[in-house]
Amino acid sequence: MSLLDKVKEAGVIGAGGAGFPTHAKLASKAEYILLNGAECEPLLRVDQQLMEIFPDEIIKGFEAARE
């Protein structure tokens, strides 16, 4: 089963509030992929911490999405 199929079957959606299906983004062909690590509140640091603690996993995820 491909990554796209797994994401679609799991029902993964974006965290931006609109509930946009992630499989639709993965199915499209984009020249660039952007990681938005900006928090919505000034004192939140969750995205920053995740990027500091798990940089290799994040990069592997981007590489998988690229394929």
Protein backbone atom coordinates (compact mmCIF):
# COMPACT_ATOMS: atom_id res chain seq x y z
CA MET A 1 0.00 0.00 0.00
CA SER A 2 1.41 3.40 -0.96
CA LEU A 3 1.83 6.30 1.44
CA LEU A 4 -0.98 8.11 -0.37
CA ASP A 5 -3.33 5.15 0.12
CA LYS A 6 -2.39 4.84 3.79
CA VAL A 7 -3.00 8.54 4.43
CA LYS A 8 -6.33 8.45 2.57
CA GLU A 9 -7.50 5.31 4.36
CA ALA A 10 -6.51 6.76 7.74
CA GLY A 11 -8.58 9.90 7.06
CA VAL A 12 -5.70 12.28 7.85
CA ILE A 13 -6.71 15.93 7.51
CA GLY A 14 -4.85 19.20 7.88
CA ALA A 15 -4.61 20.94 11.22
CA GLY A 16 -5.42 24.37 9.81
CA GLY A 17 -9.07 24.27 10.80
CA ALA A 18 -10.64 23.65 7.39
CA GLY A 19 -10.23 19.88 7.57
CA PHE A 20 -8.64 19.70 4.11
CA PRO A 21 -7.76 16.06 3.30
CA THR A 22 -4.01 15.47 3.37
CA HIS A 23 -4.21 12.84 0.63
CA ALA A 24 -5.40 15.54 -1.79
CA LYS A 25 -2.26 17.55 -1.09
CA LEU A 26 -0.04 14.49 -1.45
CA ALA A 27 -1.70 13.54 -4.75
CA SER A 28 -0.90 16.91 -6.32
CA LYS A 29 2.43 17.61 -7.95
CA ALA A 30 4.18 20.60 -6.42
CA GLU A 31 7.62 21.95 -7.16
CA TYR A 32 8.12 22.95 -3.52
CA ILE A 33 6.91 21.72 -0.14
CA LEU A 34 6.88 24.19 2.73
CA LEU A 35 7.07 23.37 6.41
CA ASN A 36 5.25 26.07 8.35
CA GLY A 37 6.59 25.96 11.91
CA ALA A 38 5.00 29.25 12.97
CA GLU A 39 2.77 29.03 16.00
CA CYS A 40 -0.57 30.82 16.23
CA GLU A 41 0.12 32.13 19.75
CA PRO A 42 3.27 34.04 20.79
CA LEU A 43 4.19 31.81 23.75
CA LEU A 44 3.61 28.43 22.09
CA ARG A 45 6.75 26.48 21.19
CA VAL A 46 5.42 23.04 20.26
CA ASP A 47 6.39 23.18 16.57
CA GLN A 48 9.83 24.52 17.48
CA GLN A 49 10.36 21.73 20.00
CA LEU A 50 9.24 19.06 17.54
CA MET A 51 11.64 20.38 14.91
CA GLU A 52 14.50 20.47 17.45
CA ILE A 53 13.83 16.99 18.88
CA PHE A 54 12.78 15.12 15.71
CA PRO A 55 14.55 16.78 12.75
CA ASP A 56 15.47 13.47 11.09
CA GLU A 57 11.91 12.15 11.27
CA ILE A 58 10.53 15.39 9.84
CA ILE A 59 12.99 15.27 6.95
CA LYS A 60 12.13 11.61 6.28
CA GLY A 61 8.45 12.58 6.18
CA PHE A 62 9.17 15.29 3.64
CA GLU A 63 11.16 12.85 1.54
CA ALA A 64 8.29 10.35 1.65
CA ALA A 65 5.81 13.07 0.64
CA ARG A 66 8.04 14.04 -2.27
CA GLU A 67 7.75 10.55 -3.78
